[in-house]
PDB file of N, CA and C in Angstrom:
ATOM      1  N   MET A   1      84.735  52.234 -24.150  1.00  0.00           N
ATOM      2  CA  MET A   1      84.503  53.594 -24.593  1.00  0.00           C
ATOM      3  C   MET A   1      85.794  54.405 -24.436  1.00  0.00           C
ATOM      4  N   LYS A   2      86.138  55.163 -25.450  1.00  0.00           N
ATOM      5  CA  LYS A   2      87.358  55.945 -25.438  1.00  0.00           C
ATOM      6  C   LYS A   2      87.200  57.176 -24.537  1.00  0.00           C
ATOM      7  N   ARG A   3      88.237  57.450 -23.757  1.00  0.00           N
ATOM      8  CA  ARG A   3      88.200  58.631 -22.884  1.00  0.00           C
ATOM      9  C   ARG A   3      88.292  59.895 -23.715  1.00  0.00           C
ATOM     10  N   ARG A   4      87.534  60.890 -23.336  1.00  0.00           N
ATOM     11  CA  ARG A   4      87.525  62.157 -24.070  1.00  0.00           C
ATOM     12  C   ARG A   4      88.422  63.197 -23.407  1.00  0.00           C
ATOM     13  N   ARG A   5      88.903  62.915 -22.218  1.00  0.00           N
ATOM     14  CA  ARG A   5      89.749  63.843 -21.485  1.00  0.00           C
ATOM     15  C   ARG A   5      90.868  63.072 -20.805  1.00  0.00           C
ATOM     16  N   VAL A   6      91.993  63.728 -20.641  1.00  0.00           N
ATOM     17  CA  VAL A   6      93.112  63.176 -19.890  1.00  0.00           C
ATOM     18  C   VAL A   6      93.480  64.195 -18.818  1.00  0.00           C
ATOM     19  N   ALA A   7      93.477  63.783 -17.590  1.00  0.00           N
ATOM     20  CA  ALA A   7      93.842  64.690 -16.501  1.00  0.00           C
ATOM     21  C   ALA A   7      95.348  64.883 -16.501  1.00  0.00           C
ATOM     22  N   MET A   8      95.748  66.136 -16.325  1.00  0.00           N
ATOM     23  CA  MET A   8      97.170  66.467 -16.276  1.00  0.00           C
ATOM     24  C   MET A   8      97.434  67.314 -15.038  1.00  0.00           C
ATOM     25  N   THR A   9      98.627  67.202 -14.522  1.00  0.00           N
ATOM     26  CA  THR A   9      99.026  68.014 -13.382  1.00  0.00           C
ATOM     27  C   THR A   9     100.208  68.865 -13.798  1.00  0.00           C
ATOM     28  N   ILE A  10     100.145  70.144 -13.467  1.00  0.00           N
ATOM     29  CA  ILE A  10     101.274  71.025 -13.732  1.00  0.00           C
ATOM     30  C   ILE A  10     101.630  71.719 -12.427  1.00  0.00           C
ATOM     31  N   SER A  11     102.866  72.152 -12.323  1.00  0.00           N
ATOM     32  CA  SER A  11     103.255  72.912 -11.132  1.00  0.00           C
ATOM     33  C   SER A  11     103.667  74.311 -11.577  1.00  0.00           C
ATOM     34  N   LEU A  12     103.223  75.281 -10.805  1.00  0.00           N
ATOM     35  CA  LEU A  12     103.489  76.682 -11.107  1.00  0.00           C
ATOM     36  C   LEU A  12     103.985  77.373  -9.843  1.00  0.00           C
ATOM     37  N   PRO A  13     104.812  78.393 -10.011  1.00  0.00           N
ATOM     38  CA  PRO A  13     105.162  79.200  -8.843  1.00  0.00           C
ATOM     39  C   PRO A  13     103.883  79.841  -8.284  1.00  0.00           C
ATOM     40  N   PRO A  14     103.823  80.054  -6.992  1.00  0.00           N
ATOM     41  CA  PRO A  14     102.598  80.570  -6.369  1.00  0.00           C
ATOM     42  C   PRO A  14     102.053  81.845  -7.017  1.00  0.00           C
ATOM     43  N   GLU A  15     102.915  82.776  -7.381  1.00  0.00           N
ATOM     44  CA  GLU A  15     102.420  84.029  -7.959  1.00  0.00           C
ATOM     45  C   GLU A  15     101.791  83.808  -9.330  1.00  0.00           C
ATOM     46  N   ILE A  16     102.330  82.885 -10.108  1.00  0.00           N
ATOM     47  CA  ILE A  16     101.747  82.583 -11.421  1.00  0.00           C
ATOM     48  C   ILE A  16     100.432  81.826 -11.231  1.00  0.00           C
ATOM     49  N   ALA A  17     100.387  80.913 -10.266  1.00  0.00           N
ATOM     50  CA  ALA A  17      99.148  80.176  -9.993  1.00  0.00           C
ATOM     51  C   ALA A  17      98.039  81.142  -9.584  1.00  0.00           C
ATOM     52  N   LYS A  18      98.387  82.134  -8.766  1.00  0.00           N
ATOM     53  CA  LYS A  18      97.396  83.120  -8.333  1.00  0.00           C
ATOM     54  C   LYS A  18      96.901  83.931  -9.542  1.00  0.00           C
ATOM     55  N   ASP A  19      97.823  84.351 -10.401  1.00  0.00           N
ATOM     56  CA  ASP A  19      97.442  85.083 -11.617  1.00  0.00           C
ATOM     57  C   ASP A  19      96.541  84.239 -12.514  1.00  0.00           C
ATOM     58  N   TYR A  20      96.885  82.956 -12.636  1.00  0.00           N
ATOM     59  CA  TYR A  20      96.124  82.032 -13.480  1.00  0.00           C
ATOM     60  C   TYR A  20      94.680  81.895 -12.970  1.00  0.00           C
ATOM     61  N   GLU A  21      94.536  81.700 -11.664  1.00  0.00           N
ATOM     62  CA  GLU A  21      93.205  81.573 -11.075  1.00  0.00           C
ATOM     63  C   GLU A  21      92.421  82.878 -11.209  1.00  0.00           C
ATOM     64  N   ARG A  22      93.086  84.027 -11.021  1.00  0.00           N
ATOM     65  CA  ARG A  22      92.419  85.317 -11.170  1.00  0.00           C
ATOM     66  C   ARG A  22      91.952  85.509 -12.607  1.00  0.00           C
ATOM     67  N   LEU A  23      92.800  85.152 -13.563  1.00  0.00           N
ATOM     68  CA  LEU A  23      92.450  85.288 -14.969  1.00  0.00           C
ATOM     69  C   LEU A  23      91.264  84.390 -15.332  1.00  0.00           C
ATOM     70  N   ALA A  24      91.257  83.179 -14.805  1.00  0.00           N
ATOM     71  CA  ALA A  24      90.133  82.266 -15.054  1.00  0.00           C
ATOM     72  C   ALA A  24      88.835  82.876 -14.538  1.00  0.00           C
ATOM     73  N   ARG A  25      88.879  83.456 -13.340  1.00  0.00           N
ATOM     74  CA  ARG A  25      87.672  84.101 -12.801  1.00  0.00           C
ATOM     75  C   ARG A  25      87.251  85.285 -13.668  1.00  0.00           C
ATOM     76  N   GLN A  26      88.219  86.119 -14.072  1.00  0.00           N
ATOM     77  CA  GLN A  26      87.898  87.288 -14.903  1.00  0.00           C
ATOM     78  C   GLN A  26      87.274  86.885 -16.230  1.00  0.00           C
ATOM     79  N   GLU A  27      87.760  85.791 -16.805  1.00  0.00           N
ATOM     80  CA  GLU A  27      87.260  85.321 -18.094  1.00  0.00           C
ATOM     81  C   GLU A  27      85.998  84.465 -17.946  1.00  0.00           C
ATOM     82  N   ALA A  28      85.591  84.217 -16.704  1.00  0.00           N
ATOM     83  CA  ALA A  28      84.437  83.372 -16.396  1.00  0.00           C
ATOM     84  C   ALA A  28      84.589  81.990 -17.034  1.00  0.00           C
ATOM     85  N   LYS A  29      85.775  81.423 -16.855  1.00  0.00           N
ATOM     86  CA  LYS A  29      86.074  80.084 -17.379  1.00  0.00           C
ATOM     87  C   LYS A  29      86.672  79.254 -16.258  1.00  0.00           C
ATOM     88  N   ASN A  30      86.524  77.940 -16.393  1.00  0.00           N
ATOM     89  CA  ASN A  30      87.248  77.115 -15.432  1.00  0.00           C
ATOM     90  C   ASN A  30      88.698  77.021 -15.905  1.00  0.00           C
ATOM     91  N   LYS A  31      89.566  76.537 -15.036  1.00  0.00           N
ATOM     92  CA  LYS A  31      90.998  76.524 -15.355  1.00  0.00           C
ATOM     93  C   LYS A  31      91.310  75.628 -16.549  1.00  0.00           C
ATOM     94  N   SER A  32      90.557  74.563 -16.714  1.00  0.00           N
ATOM     95  CA  SER A  32      90.792  73.678 -17.864  1.00  0.00           C
ATOM     96  C   SER A  32      90.466  74.380 -19.170  1.00  0.00           C
ATOM     97  N   GLN A  33      89.332  75.078 -19.206  1.00  0.00           N
ATOM     98  CA  GLN A  33      88.938  75.793 -20.424  1.00  0.00           C
ATOM     99  C   GLN A  33      89.935  76.907 -20.732  1.00  0.00           C
ATOM    100  N   LEU A  34      90.365  77.622 -19.704  1.00  0.00           N
ATOM    101  CA  LEU A  34      91.348  78.683 -19.909  1.00  0.00           C
ATOM    102  C   LEU A  34      92.639  78.104 -20.490  1.00  0.00           C
ATOM    103  N   PHE A  35      93.074  76.958 -19.953  1.00  0.00           N
ATOM    104  CA  PHE A  35      94.295  76.334 -20.465  1.00  0.00           C
ATOM    105  C   PHE A  35      94.124  75.916 -21.925  1.00  0.00           C
ATOM    106  N   ARG A  36      92.982  75.320 -22.268  1.00  0.00           N
ATOM    107  CA  ARG A  36      92.734  74.919 -23.655  1.00  0.00           C
ATOM    108  C   ARG A  36      92.777  76.138 -24.579  1.00  0.00           C
ATOM    109  N   ASP A  37      92.152  77.236 -24.135  1.00  0.00           N
ATOM    110  CA  ASP A  37      92.158  78.457 -24.939  1.00  0.00           C
ATOM    111  C   ASP A  37      93.577  79.011 -25.094  1.00  0.00           C
ATOM    112  N   MET A  38      94.336  78.981 -24.003  1.00  0.00           N
ATOM    113  CA  MET A  38      95.710  79.482 -24.054  1.00  0.00           C
ATOM    114  C   MET A  38      96.561  78.624 -24.996  1.00  0.00           C
ATOM    115  N   LEU A  39      96.381  77.318 -24.945  1.00  0.00           N
ATOM    116  CA  LEU A  39      97.145  76.429 -25.814  1.00  0.00           C
ATOM    117  C   LEU A  39      96.765  76.638 -27.278  1.00  0.00           C
ATOM    118  N   ARG A  40      95.468  76.791 -27.558  1.00  0.00           N
ATOM    119  CA  ARG A  40      95.018  77.050 -28.931  1.00  0.00           C
ATOM    120  C   ARG A  40      95.632  78.338 -29.457  1.00  0.00           C
ATOM    121  N   LEU A  41      95.622  79.387 -28.638  1.00  0.00           N
ATOM    122  CA  LEU A  41      96.191  80.668 -29.040  1.00  0.00           C
ATOM    123  C   LEU A  41      97.697  80.548 -29.263  1.00  0.00           C
ATOM    124  N   TYR A  42      98.375  79.823 -28.384  1.00  0.00           N
ATOM    125  CA  TYR A  42      99.816  79.622 -28.533  1.00  0.00           C
ATOM    126  C   TYR A  42     100.124  78.912 -29.847  1.00  0.00           C
ATOM    127  N   LYS A  43      99.351  77.880 -30.163  1.00  0.00           N
ATOM    128  CA  LYS A  43      99.565  77.143 -31.409  1.00  0.00           C
ATOM    129  C   LYS A  43      99.331  78.041 -32.623  1.00  0.00           C
ATOM    130  N   GLU A  44      98.281  78.872 -32.574  1.00  0.00           N
ATOM    131  CA  GLU A  44      98.014  79.800 -33.677  1.00  0.00           C
ATOM    132  C   GLU A  44      99.170  80.766 -33.869  1.00  0.00           C
ATOM    133  N   GLN A  45      99.690  81.291 -32.770  1.00  0.00           N
ATOM    134  CA  GLN A  45     100.796  82.232 -32.856  1.00  0.00           C
ATOM    135  C   GLN A  45     102.062  81.547 -33.360  1.00  0.00           C
ATOM    136  N   ALA A  46     102.290  80.294 -32.957  1.00  0.00           N
ATOM    137  CA  ALA A  46     103.457  79.556 -33.424  1.00  0.00           C
ATOM    138  C   ALA A  46     103.367  79.329 -34.933  1.00  0.00           C
ATOM    139  N   LEU A  47     102.171  78.994 -35.429  1.00  0.00           N
ATOM    140  CA  LEU A  47     101.988  78.810 -36.868  1.00  0.00           C
ATOM    141  C   LEU A  47     102.180  80.124 -37.619  1.00  0.00           C
ATOM    142  N   GLU A  48     101.715  81.206 -37.026  1.00  0.00           N
ATOM    143  CA  GLU A  48     101.884  82.518 -37.657  1.00  0.00           C
ATOM    144  C   GLU A  48     103.372  82.893 -37.719  1.00  0.00           C
ATOM    145  N   ARG A  49     104.101  82.646 -36.627  1.00  0.00           N
ATOM    146  CA  ARG A  49     105.548  82.915 -36.627  1.00  0.00           C
ATOM    147  C   ARG A  49     106.240  82.087 -37.700  1.00  0.00           C
ATOM    148  N   GLU A  50     105.849  80.812 -37.815  1.00  0.00           N
ATOM    149  CA  GLU A  50     106.443  79.940 -38.821  1.00  0.00           C
ATOM    150  C   GLU A  50     106.140  80.459 -40.229  1.00  0.00           C
ATOM    151  N   PHE A  51     104.900  80.896 -40.458  1.00  0.00           N
ATOM    152  CA  PHE A  51     104.523  81.431 -41.756  1.00  0.00           C
ATOM    153  C   PHE A  51     105.387  82.634 -42.120  1.00  0.00           C
ATOM    154  N   PHE A  52     105.528  83.590 -41.190  1.00  0.00           N
ATOM    155  CA  PHE A  52     106.309  84.782 -41.487  1.00  0.00           C
ATOM    156  C   PHE A  52     107.791  84.463 -41.663  1.00  0.00           C
ATOM    157  N   GLU A  53     108.280  83.470 -40.936  1.00  0.00           N
ATOM    158  CA  GLU A  53     109.658  83.029 -41.100  1.00  0.00           C
ATOM    159  C   GLU A  53     109.870  82.466 -42.513  1.00  0.00           C
ATOM    160  N   LEU A  54     108.934  81.632 -42.953  1.00  0.00           N
ATOM    161  CA  LEU A  54     109.010  81.087 -44.308  1.00  0.00           C
ATOM    162  C   LEU A  54     108.868  82.192 -45.352  1.00  0.00           C
ATOM    163  N   GLN A  55     108.009  83.151 -45.077  1.00  0.00           N
ATOM    164  CA  GLN A  55     107.820  84.267 -45.997  1.00  0.00           C
ATOM    165  C   GLN A  55     109.114  85.078 -46.119  1.00  0.00           C
ATOM    166  N   ARG A  56     109.780  85.352 -45.008  1.00  0.00           N
ATOM    167  CA  ARG A  56     111.053  86.082 -45.042  1.00  0.00           C
ATOM    168  C   ARG A  56     112.102  85.290 -45.820  1.00  0.00           C
ATOM    169  N   HIS A  57     112.132  83.990 -45.592  1.00  0.00           N
ATOM    170  CA  HIS A  57     113.098  83.137 -46.289  1.00  0.00           C
ATOM    171  C   HIS A  57     112.821  83.160 -47.798  1.00  0.00           C
ATOM    172  N   GLY A  58     111.549  83.024 -48.171  1.00  0.00           N
ATOM    173  CA  GLY A  58     111.194  83.053 -49.585  1.00  0.00           C
ATOM    174  C   GLY A  58     111.521  84.393 -50.220  1.00  0.00           C
ATOM    175  N   ALA A  59     111.277  85.486 -49.509  1.00  0.00           N
ATOM    176  CA  ALA A  59     111.593  86.816 -50.034  1.00  0.00           C
ATOM    177  C   ALA A  59     113.094  86.971 -50.239  1.00  0.00           C
ATOM    178  N   LYS A  60     113.870  86.427 -49.312  1.00  0.00           N
ATOM    179  CA  LYS A  60     115.330  86.500 -49.441  1.00  0.00           C
ATOM    180  C   LYS A  60     115.790  85.733 -50.682  1.00  0.00           C
ATOM    181  N   LEU A  61     115.261  84.529 -50.857  1.00  0.00           N
ATOM    182  CA  LEU A  61     115.627  83.734 -52.034  1.00  0.00           C
ATOM    183  C   LEU A  61     115.215  84.438 -53.321  1.00  0.00           C
ATOM    184  N   ALA A  62     114.035  85.047 -53.306  1.00  0.00           N
ATOM    185  CA  ALA A  62     113.555  85.758 -54.491  1.00  0.00           C
ATOM    186  C   ALA A  62     114.485  86.922 -54.820  1.00  0.00           C
ATOM    187  N   ARG A  63     114.887  87.682 -53.817  1.00  0.00           N
ATOM    188  CA  ARG A  63     115.810  88.807 -54.053  1.00  0.00           C
ATOM    189  C   ARG A  63     117.131  88.314 -54.629  1.00  0.00           C
ATOM    190  N   GLU A  64     117.618  87.204 -54.089  1.00  0.00           N
ATOM    191  CA  GLU A  64     118.894  86.650 -54.572  1.00  0.00           C
ATOM    192  C   GLU A  64     118.797  86.237 -56.042  1.00  0.00           C
ATOM    193  N   LYS A  65     117.609  85.834 -56.473  1.00  0.00           N
ATOM    194  CA  LYS A  65     117.411  85.408 -57.858  1.00  0.00           C
ATOM    195  C   LYS A  65     116.928  86.546 -58.752  1.00  0.00           C
ATOM    196  N   GLY A  66     116.820  87.762 -58.180  1.00  0.00           N
ATOM    197  CA  GLY A  66     116.412  88.912 -58.969  1.00  0.00           C
ATOM    198  C   GLY A  66     114.919  89.022 -59.189  1.00  0.00           C
ATOM    199  N   VAL A  67     114.135  88.305 -58.423  1.00  0.00           N
ATOM    200  CA  VAL A  67     112.681  88.381 -58.525  1.00  0.00           C
ATOM    201  C   VAL A  67     112.236  89.454 -57.537  1.00  0.00           C
ATOM    202  N   LEU A  68     111.904  90.641 -58.074  1.00  0.00           N
ATOM    203  CA  LEU A  68     111.624  91.774 -57.204  1.00  0.00           C
ATOM    204  C   LEU A  68     110.202  92.316 -57.323  1.00  0.00           C
ATOM    205  N   THR A  69     109.509  92.005 -58.395  1.00  0.00           N
ATOM    206  CA  THR A  69     108.174  92.561 -58.608  1.00  0.00           C
ATOM    207  C   THR A  69     107.179  91.431 -58.892  1.00  0.00           C
ATOM    208  N   GLU A  70     105.899  91.784 -58.878  1.00  0.00           N
ATOM    209  CA  GLU A  70     104.869  90.809 -59.230  1.00  0.00           C
ATOM    210  C   GLU A  70     105.018  90.375 -60.682  1.00  0.00           C
ATOM    211  N   GLU A  71     105.454  91.313 -61.519  1.00  0.00           N
ATOM    212  CA  GLU A  71     105.670  90.976 -62.931  1.00  0.00           C
ATOM    213  C   GLU A  71     106.766  89.911 -63.070  1.00  0.00           C
ATOM    214  N   ASP A  72     107.812  90.010 -62.241  1.00  0.00           N
ATOM    215  CA  ASP A  72     108.875  88.996 -62.247  1.00  0.00           C
ATOM    216  C   ASP A  72     108.301  87.627 -61.878  1.00  0.00           C
ATOM    217  N   VAL A  73     107.442  87.612 -60.880  1.00  0.00           N
ATOM    218  CA  VAL A  73     106.826  86.354 -60.444  1.00  0.00           C
ATOM    219  C   VAL A  73     105.953  85.793 -61.551  1.00  0.00           C
ATOM    220  N   GLU A  74     105.129  86.649 -62.165  1.00  0.00           N
ATOM    221  CA  GLU A  74     104.248  86.191 -63.233  1.00  0.00           C
ATOM    222  C   GLU A  74     105.036  85.640 -64.408  1.00  0.00           C
ATOM    223  N   SER A  75     106.139  86.292 -64.760  1.00  0.00           N
ATOM    224  CA  SER A  75     106.914  85.788 -65.891  1.00  0.00           C
ATOM    225  C   SER A  75     107.516  84.419 -65.570  1.00  0.00           C
ATOM    226  N   LEU A  76     107.918  84.208 -64.313  1.00  0.00           N
ATOM    227  CA  LEU A  76     108.436  82.885 -63.918  1.00  0.00           C
ATOM    228  C   LEU A  76     107.336  81.843 -63.965  1.00  0.00           C
ATOM    229  N   VAL A  77     106.153  82.212 -63.509  1.00  0.00           N
ATOM    230  CA  VAL A  77     105.043  81.258 -63.490  1.00  0.00           C
ATOM    231  C   VAL A  77     104.677  80.853 -64.902  1.00  0.00           C
ATOM    232  N   PHE A  78     104.562  81.833 -65.792  1.00  0.00           N
ATOM    233  CA  PHE A  78     104.115  81.532 -67.165  1.00  0.00           C
ATOM    234  C   PHE A  78     105.241  80.984 -68.031  1.00  0.00           C
ATOM    235  N   GLU A  79     106.479  81.136 -67.589  1.00  0.00           N
ATOM    236  CA  GLU A  79     107.631  80.618 -68.327  1.00  0.00           C
ATOM    237  C   GLU A  79     107.561  79.108 -68.461  1.00  0.00           C
ATOM    238  N   GLY A  80     107.086  78.453 -67.431  1.00  0.00           N
ATOM    239  CA  GLY A  80     107.034  76.992 -67.440  1.00  0.00           C
ATOM    240  C   GLY A  80     105.797  76.418 -68.105  1.00  0.00           C
ATOM    241  N   ARG A  81     104.904  77.252 -68.564  1.00  0.00           N
ATOM    242  CA  ARG A  81     103.650  76.744 -69.143  1.00  0.00           C
ATOM    243  C   ARG A  81     103.730  76.623 -70.618  1.00  0.00           C
TER     244      ARG A  81
END
């Protein structure tokens, strides 16, 4: 049977460990659940940062090519059809 969990050990400075345990109690979660939630949130934020980074890059390229309005985008899209 495949294991559904893997135990991990992390080390934290005492003040962060105390904050972590306090936060788990406040959220009424065990430390494992809190960590899973924190990791999920971190991953979501990382994907959001990546999306906005790509969006900024695409906007820069569009400006360099003179694509400034939705009409410019539509004309490019329909140009190839």
